[in-house]
Amino acid sequence: MKIIACGSVATVHAPESYFTGKVLQTPIIESEAPSRLRALTVAFEPGARTAWHTHPLGQTLHIVSGAGRVQVWGESIREIRAGDTVFFAPGEKHWHGAGPTTAMTHIAMQEALDGKTVDWLEKVSDEQYRA
C-alpha cells in the first residue's frame, strides 16, 4: 500500500505548448508497472483549454466543478458540467477545457502504453473554440 499525503505533490502550471490560457495540474497518481494508471486534477480558468490530442489507451474525465467544453475531431462541441463523466476512445482526437465565462476542474484518468499516455497535436484555435 502507498498513501500519497495531501499537499505532498506540487501543483504546476500546465505547459503553454499544450494548453491555451491558465491551467493548473495536480498529479494524483502515476502508478508503477505493471500498473498503467495515471491521474491528475486539472483546473482551467475561463477560456482555457488543451491542444488537440489523443491517448493510446483512451482517457476518462470526471468533471468535479464548473462547466466546460469537449470536442472530438469532426464533431460538434459538447457542453459538460460538474458531475459529468466523459470517455474518449483510444486514438480519438479531441480537446477539453473551460467554458468561455466559467472555470472548470476535472480529474483526468488515462493508462500508459510503453510509458506514454498522450500524443499532443496542434493547438485549438480561437475560431474552433468558439464554433
N, C-alpha and C. Protein backbone atom coordinates (compact mmCIF):
# COMPACT_ATOMS: atom_id res chain seq x y z
N MET A 1 0.84 -1.18 0.00
CA MET A 1 0.00 0.00 0.00
C MET A 1 0.88 1.23 0.00
N LYS A 2 0.39 2.25 -0.67
CA LYS A 2 1.10 3.53 -0.72
C LYS A 2 0.07 4.64 -0.51
N ILE A 3 0.34 5.52 0.42
CA ILE A 3 -0.52 6.68 0.66
C ILE A 3 0.26 7.92 0.23
N ILE A 4 -0.36 8.69 -0.63
CA ILE A 4 0.25 9.95 -1.08
C ILE A 4 -0.47 11.05 -0.32
N ALA A 5 0.21 11.65 0.62
CA ALA A 5 -0.42 12.61 1.52
C ALA A 5 -0.84 13.88 0.79
N CYS A 6 -1.98 14.40 1.20
CA CYS A 6 -2.48 15.66 0.65
C CYS A 6 -1.41 16.74 0.82
N GLY A 7 -1.13 17.46 -0.25
CA GLY A 7 -0.14 18.52 -0.19
C GLY A 7 1.28 18.07 -0.46
N SER A 8 1.50 16.76 -0.63
CA SER A 8 2.87 16.27 -0.83
C SER A 8 3.30 16.32 -2.30
N VAL A 9 2.36 16.59 -3.20
CA VAL A 9 2.66 16.68 -4.62
C VAL A 9 2.36 18.10 -5.08
N ALA A 10 3.30 18.71 -5.74
CA ALA A 10 3.16 20.12 -6.15
C ALA A 10 2.17 20.30 -7.29
N THR A 11 1.41 21.38 -7.22
CA THR A 11 0.58 21.83 -8.33
C THR A 11 1.47 22.66 -9.24
N VAL A 12 1.33 22.45 -10.56
CA VAL A 12 2.18 23.16 -11.52
C VAL A 12 1.32 23.81 -12.59
N HIS A 13 1.87 24.85 -13.23
CA HIS A 13 1.22 25.45 -14.39
C HIS A 13 1.40 24.50 -15.57
N ALA A 14 0.32 24.24 -16.28
CA ALA A 14 0.40 23.37 -17.45
C ALA A 14 1.26 24.05 -18.53
N PRO A 15 2.01 23.28 -19.30
CA PRO A 15 2.89 23.88 -20.31
C PRO A 15 2.13 24.60 -21.42
N GLU A 16 2.58 25.80 -21.75
CA GLU A 16 1.93 26.62 -22.78
C GLU A 16 1.96 25.94 -24.15
N SER A 17 2.89 25.03 -24.36
CA SER A 17 2.96 24.36 -25.66
C SER A 17 1.78 23.43 -25.90
N TYR A 18 1.09 23.00 -24.83
CA TYR A 18 -0.03 22.07 -24.96
C TYR A 18 -1.36 22.63 -24.48
N PHE A 19 -1.36 23.86 -23.95
CA PHE A 19 -2.57 24.45 -23.39
C PHE A 19 -2.67 25.91 -23.80
N THR A 20 -3.90 26.40 -23.88
CA THR A 20 -4.17 27.82 -24.11
C THR A 20 -4.83 28.35 -22.85
N GLY A 21 -4.34 29.48 -22.32
CA GLY A 21 -4.91 30.05 -21.10
C GLY A 21 -4.26 29.47 -19.86
N LYS A 22 -4.75 29.90 -18.70
CA LYS A 22 -4.17 29.47 -17.43
C LYS A 22 -4.79 28.14 -16.99
N VAL A 23 -3.91 27.16 -16.82
CA VAL A 23 -4.32 25.81 -16.43
C VAL A 23 -3.36 25.31 -15.37
N LEU A 24 -3.90 24.78 -14.27
CA LEU A 24 -3.11 24.20 -13.19
C LEU A 24 -3.31 22.68 -13.16
N GLN A 25 -2.22 21.95 -12.94
CA GLN A 25 -2.29 20.49 -12.88
C GLN A 25 -1.74 20.01 -11.53
N THR A 26 -2.48 19.11 -10.90
CA THR A 26 -2.03 18.48 -9.66
C THR A 26 -2.06 16.97 -9.84
N PRO A 27 -0.90 16.32 -9.89
CA PRO A 27 -0.88 14.87 -10.04
C PRO A 27 -1.60 14.17 -8.88
N ILE A 28 -2.33 13.11 -9.21
CA ILE A 28 -2.98 12.27 -8.21
C ILE A 28 -2.18 10.98 -8.05
N ILE A 29 -1.93 10.30 -9.18
CA ILE A 29 -1.19 9.04 -9.14
C ILE A 29 -0.50 8.80 -10.47
N GLU A 30 0.71 8.31 -10.40
CA GLU A 30 1.41 7.78 -11.56
C GLU A 30 1.92 6.43 -11.11
N SER A 31 1.10 5.42 -11.29
CA SER A 31 1.39 4.10 -10.73
C SER A 31 2.57 3.43 -11.43
N GLU A 32 3.21 2.55 -10.69
CA GLU A 32 4.38 1.85 -11.19
C GLU A 32 3.97 0.57 -11.92
N ALA A 33 4.74 0.19 -12.94
CA ALA A 33 4.48 -1.03 -13.70
C ALA A 33 4.42 -2.22 -12.74
N PRO A 34 3.56 -3.17 -13.00
CA PRO A 34 2.82 -3.35 -14.23
C PRO A 34 1.54 -2.52 -14.33
N SER A 35 1.17 -1.81 -13.29
CA SER A 35 0.00 -0.93 -13.36
C SER A 35 0.30 0.19 -14.35
N ARG A 36 -0.74 0.73 -14.99
CA ARG A 36 -0.53 1.75 -16.02
C ARG A 36 -1.30 3.04 -15.75
N LEU A 37 -2.01 3.13 -14.62
CA LEU A 37 -2.89 4.27 -14.37
C LEU A 37 -2.11 5.55 -14.10
N ARG A 38 -2.56 6.62 -14.74
CA ARG A 38 -2.08 7.98 -14.49
C ARG A 38 -3.32 8.83 -14.29
N ALA A 39 -3.33 9.66 -13.25
CA ALA A 39 -4.48 10.53 -13.00
C ALA A 39 -3.99 11.85 -12.43
N LEU A 40 -4.70 12.91 -12.75
CA LEU A 40 -4.38 14.23 -12.22
C LEU A 40 -5.62 15.10 -12.22
N THR A 41 -5.60 16.09 -11.35
CA THR A 41 -6.64 17.11 -11.33
C THR A 41 -6.16 18.25 -12.21
N VAL A 42 -7.06 18.73 -13.08
CA VAL A 42 -6.70 19.82 -13.99
C VAL A 42 -7.74 20.93 -13.82
N ALA A 43 -7.27 22.13 -13.49
CA ALA A 43 -8.15 23.28 -13.26
C ALA A 43 -7.92 24.31 -14.37
N PHE A 44 -8.99 24.61 -15.11
CA PHE A 44 -8.94 25.54 -16.23
C PHE A 44 -9.65 26.83 -15.86
N GLU A 45 -9.02 27.98 -16.09
CA GLU A 45 -9.70 29.26 -15.95
C GLU A 45 -10.62 29.45 -17.17
N PRO A 46 -11.59 30.36 -17.10
CA PRO A 46 -12.48 30.56 -18.25
C PRO A 46 -11.69 30.76 -19.54
N GLY A 47 -12.12 30.07 -20.59
CA GLY A 47 -11.49 30.15 -21.89
C GLY A 47 -10.27 29.28 -22.08
N ALA A 48 -9.74 28.70 -21.01
CA ALA A 48 -8.54 27.86 -21.10
C ALA A 48 -8.92 26.48 -21.64
N ARG A 49 -7.95 25.86 -22.33
CA ARG A 49 -8.24 24.57 -22.96
C ARG A 49 -6.94 23.84 -23.32
N THR A 50 -7.09 22.56 -23.60
CA THR A 50 -5.97 21.76 -24.09
C THR A 50 -5.78 22.02 -25.58
N ALA A 51 -4.66 21.54 -26.09
CA ALA A 51 -4.48 21.41 -27.54
C ALA A 51 -5.22 20.13 -27.97
N TRP A 52 -5.38 19.95 -29.25
CA TRP A 52 -5.88 18.67 -29.76
C TRP A 52 -4.88 17.60 -29.32
N HIS A 53 -5.38 16.43 -28.98
CA HIS A 53 -4.50 15.34 -28.58
C HIS A 53 -5.23 14.01 -28.63
N THR A 54 -4.47 12.93 -28.51
CA THR A 54 -5.03 11.58 -28.43
C THR A 54 -4.36 10.85 -27.27
N HIS A 55 -4.97 9.74 -26.88
CA HIS A 55 -4.41 8.88 -25.83
C HIS A 55 -4.37 7.45 -26.37
N PRO A 56 -3.23 6.77 -26.26
CA PRO A 56 -3.12 5.44 -26.85
C PRO A 56 -4.10 4.42 -26.27
N LEU A 57 -4.48 4.59 -25.01
CA LEU A 57 -5.42 3.66 -24.37
C LEU A 57 -6.71 4.36 -23.92
N GLY A 58 -6.98 5.55 -24.46
CA GLY A 58 -8.20 6.28 -24.11
C GLY A 58 -8.00 7.15 -22.88
N GLN A 59 -9.03 7.94 -22.59
CA GLN A 59 -9.00 8.84 -21.43
C GLN A 59 -10.40 8.98 -20.86
N THR A 60 -10.48 9.06 -19.54
CA THR A 60 -11.72 9.35 -18.85
C THR A 60 -11.55 10.66 -18.09
N LEU A 61 -12.53 11.55 -18.24
CA LEU A 61 -12.58 12.79 -17.47
C LEU A 61 -13.78 12.74 -16.56
N HIS A 62 -13.60 13.15 -15.31
CA HIS A 62 -14.73 13.33 -14.40
C HIS A 62 -14.72 14.79 -13.97
N ILE A 63 -15.78 15.51 -14.32
CA ILE A 63 -15.87 16.94 -14.05
C ILE A 63 -16.27 17.12 -12.59
N VAL A 64 -15.42 17.82 -11.81
CA VAL A 64 -15.69 17.98 -10.38
C VAL A 64 -16.27 19.34 -10.03
N SER A 65 -16.02 20.35 -10.89
CA SER A 65 -16.63 21.66 -10.62
C SER A 65 -16.68 22.47 -11.91
N GLY A 66 -17.64 23.38 -11.96
CA GLY A 66 -17.75 24.30 -13.07
C GLY A 66 -18.41 23.70 -14.29
N ALA A 67 -18.14 24.34 -15.43
CA ALA A 67 -18.71 23.91 -16.71
C ALA A 67 -17.67 24.13 -17.79
N GLY A 68 -17.70 23.28 -18.79
CA GLY A 68 -16.69 23.38 -19.83
C GLY A 68 -17.18 22.84 -21.15
N ARG A 69 -16.20 22.54 -21.99
CA ARG A 69 -16.46 22.08 -23.34
C ARG A 69 -15.52 20.92 -23.68
N VAL A 70 -16.02 20.02 -24.52
CA VAL A 70 -15.22 18.94 -25.09
C VAL A 70 -15.58 18.83 -26.56
N GLN A 71 -14.62 18.36 -27.34
CA GLN A 71 -14.90 18.15 -28.76
C GLN A 71 -14.03 17.04 -29.29
N VAL A 72 -14.63 16.20 -30.11
CA VAL A 72 -13.93 15.16 -30.85
C VAL A 72 -13.79 15.68 -32.28
N TRP A 73 -12.66 15.42 -32.91
CA TRP A 73 -12.39 15.88 -34.27
C TRP A 73 -13.54 15.51 -35.21
N GLY A 74 -14.04 16.51 -35.93
CA GLY A 74 -15.11 16.28 -36.91
C GLY A 74 -16.51 16.32 -36.33
N GLU A 75 -16.62 16.54 -35.02
CA GLU A 75 -17.94 16.60 -34.38
C GLU A 75 -18.14 17.96 -33.73
N SER A 76 -19.36 18.23 -33.30
CA SER A 76 -19.68 19.49 -32.65
C SER A 76 -19.14 19.55 -31.23
N ILE A 77 -18.92 20.75 -30.74
CA ILE A 77 -18.55 20.97 -29.34
C ILE A 77 -19.70 20.52 -28.46
N ARG A 78 -19.37 19.87 -27.36
CA ARG A 78 -20.38 19.44 -26.37
C ARG A 78 -20.10 20.16 -25.06
N GLU A 79 -21.15 20.56 -24.37
CA GLU A 79 -21.05 21.21 -23.07
C GLU A 79 -20.98 20.14 -21.98
N ILE A 80 -20.14 20.38 -20.97
CA ILE A 80 -20.02 19.46 -19.83
C ILE A 80 -20.15 20.25 -18.54
N ARG A 81 -20.62 19.58 -17.49
CA ARG A 81 -20.84 20.23 -16.20
C ARG A 81 -20.40 19.32 -15.06
N ALA A 82 -20.25 19.91 -13.88
CA ALA A 82 -19.86 19.15 -12.70
C ALA A 82 -20.76 17.92 -12.56
N GLY A 83 -20.13 16.77 -12.30
CA GLY A 83 -20.84 15.51 -12.16
C GLY A 83 -20.82 14.67 -13.42
N ASP A 84 -20.53 15.28 -14.59
CA ASP A 84 -20.44 14.52 -15.84
C ASP A 84 -19.15 13.73 -15.90
N THR A 85 -19.20 12.61 -16.60
CA THR A 85 -18.01 11.81 -16.90
C THR A 85 -17.95 11.62 -18.41
N VAL A 86 -16.78 11.81 -18.98
CA VAL A 86 -16.56 11.74 -20.42
C VAL A 86 -15.50 10.69 -20.69
N PHE A 87 -15.74 9.82 -21.68
CA PHE A 87 -14.73 8.84 -22.10
C PHE A 87 -14.37 9.10 -23.55
N PHE A 88 -13.05 9.20 -23.83
CA PHE A 88 -12.53 9.30 -25.18
C PHE A 88 -11.88 7.97 -25.51
N ALA A 89 -12.24 7.39 -26.65
CA ALA A 89 -11.71 6.09 -27.06
C ALA A 89 -10.21 6.20 -27.40
N PRO A 90 -9.49 5.09 -27.34
CA PRO A 90 -8.09 5.10 -27.73
C PRO A 90 -7.91 5.71 -29.13
N GLY A 91 -6.96 6.64 -29.24
CA GLY A 91 -6.66 7.26 -30.51
C GLY A 91 -7.63 8.33 -30.98
N GLU A 92 -8.67 8.61 -30.20
CA GLU A 92 -9.68 9.59 -30.61
C GLU A 92 -9.14 11.01 -30.42
N LYS A 93 -9.05 11.77 -31.51
CA LYS A 93 -8.52 13.14 -31.46
C LYS A 93 -9.56 14.05 -30.83
N HIS A 94 -9.14 14.78 -29.77
CA HIS A 94 -10.09 15.59 -29.01
C HIS A 94 -9.38 16.71 -28.27
N TRP A 95 -10.20 17.59 -27.67
CA TRP A 95 -9.70 18.61 -26.75
C TRP A 95 -10.77 18.80 -25.68
N HIS A 96 -10.38 19.46 -24.57
CA HIS A 96 -11.32 19.77 -23.50
C HIS A 96 -10.83 20.99 -22.75
N GLY A 97 -11.77 21.70 -22.13
CA GLY A 97 -11.40 22.89 -21.38
C GLY A 97 -12.60 23.56 -20.75
N ALA A 98 -12.36 24.74 -20.20
CA ALA A 98 -13.40 25.51 -19.52
C ALA A 98 -14.33 26.14 -20.55
N GLY A 99 -15.47 26.62 -20.05
CA GLY A 99 -16.36 27.42 -20.89
C GLY A 99 -15.79 28.82 -21.05
N PRO A 100 -16.37 29.60 -21.96
CA PRO A 100 -15.85 30.95 -22.20
C PRO A 100 -15.89 31.86 -20.97
N THR A 101 -16.88 31.67 -20.10
CA THR A 101 -17.03 32.54 -18.93
C THR A 101 -17.05 31.78 -17.62
N THR A 102 -16.79 30.47 -17.68
CA THR A 102 -16.88 29.61 -16.49
C THR A 102 -15.64 28.75 -16.34
N ALA A 103 -15.05 28.74 -15.17
CA ALA A 103 -13.93 27.84 -14.89
C ALA A 103 -14.43 26.40 -14.84
N MET A 104 -13.51 25.45 -14.98
CA MET A 104 -13.87 24.04 -14.91
C MET A 104 -12.68 23.25 -14.38
N THR A 105 -12.96 22.31 -13.49
CA THR A 105 -11.93 21.41 -12.97
C THR A 105 -12.38 19.98 -13.22
N HIS A 106 -11.47 19.15 -13.71
CA HIS A 106 -11.77 17.74 -13.89
C HIS A 106 -10.64 16.88 -13.38
N ILE A 107 -10.96 15.62 -13.14
CA ILE A 107 -9.96 14.60 -12.89
C ILE A 107 -9.77 13.88 -14.21
N ALA A 108 -8.53 13.82 -14.69
CA ALA A 108 -8.21 13.13 -15.94
C ALA A 108 -7.53 11.81 -15.59
N MET A 109 -8.04 10.73 -16.17
CA MET A 109 -7.51 9.39 -15.92
C MET A 109 -7.18 8.73 -17.24
N GLN A 110 -5.97 8.21 -17.35
CA GLN A 110 -5.55 7.52 -18.55
C GLN A 110 -4.51 6.48 -18.18
N GLU A 111 -4.33 5.51 -19.07
CA GLU A 111 -3.32 4.48 -18.86
C GLU A 111 -2.15 4.71 -19.81
N ALA A 112 -0.97 4.33 -19.36
CA ALA A 112 0.23 4.47 -20.17
C ALA A 112 0.44 3.21 -21.01
N LEU A 113 0.86 3.42 -22.25
CA LEU A 113 1.26 2.33 -23.13
C LEU A 113 2.74 2.53 -23.42
N ASP A 114 3.56 1.62 -22.96
CA ASP A 114 5.01 1.77 -23.09
C ASP A 114 5.48 3.10 -22.50
N GLY A 115 4.87 3.49 -21.37
CA GLY A 115 5.24 4.71 -20.67
C GLY A 115 4.61 5.99 -21.20
N LYS A 116 3.84 5.90 -22.28
CA LYS A 116 3.27 7.10 -22.91
C LYS A 116 1.76 7.15 -22.70
N THR A 117 1.26 8.32 -22.25
CA THR A 117 -0.18 8.47 -22.01
C THR A 117 -0.86 9.39 -23.00
N VAL A 118 -0.10 10.23 -23.72
CA VAL A 118 -0.73 11.24 -24.59
C VAL A 118 0.16 11.56 -25.78
N ASP A 119 -0.47 11.86 -26.90
CA ASP A 119 0.20 12.39 -28.08
C ASP A 119 -0.38 13.76 -28.34
N TRP A 120 0.42 14.80 -28.16
CA TRP A 120 -0.04 16.18 -28.34
C TRP A 120 0.02 16.56 -29.81
N LEU A 121 -1.00 17.30 -30.25
CA LEU A 121 -1.12 17.75 -31.62
C LEU A 121 -1.20 19.27 -31.65
N GLU A 122 -1.82 19.84 -32.67
CA GLU A 122 -1.90 21.29 -32.81
C GLU A 122 -2.83 21.92 -31.77
N LYS A 123 -2.62 23.21 -31.52
CA LYS A 123 -3.49 23.93 -30.59
C LYS A 123 -4.87 24.14 -31.19
N VAL A 124 -5.86 24.24 -30.32
CA VAL A 124 -7.22 24.58 -30.71
C VAL A 124 -7.27 26.08 -30.95
N SER A 125 -7.65 26.50 -32.13
CA SER A 125 -7.71 27.92 -32.45
C SER A 125 -8.89 28.58 -31.74
N ASP A 126 -8.84 29.90 -31.64
CA ASP A 126 -9.98 30.63 -31.06
C ASP A 126 -11.24 30.38 -31.87
N GLU A 127 -11.11 30.27 -33.19
CA GLU A 127 -12.28 30.02 -34.05
C GLU A 127 -12.87 28.64 -33.76
N GLN A 128 -12.02 27.62 -33.60
CA GLN A 128 -12.52 26.29 -33.27
C GLN A 128 -13.19 26.28 -31.91
N TYR A 129 -12.59 26.99 -30.95
CA TYR A 129 -13.13 27.02 -29.59
C TYR A 129 -14.51 27.68 -29.56
N ARG A 130 -14.72 28.70 -30.38
CA ARG A 130 -15.99 29.45 -30.38
C ARG A 130 -17.07 28.79 -31.25
N ALA A 131 -16.69 27.79 -32.05
CA ALA A 131 -17.64 27.18 -33.01
C ALA A 131 -18.86 26.57 -32.34
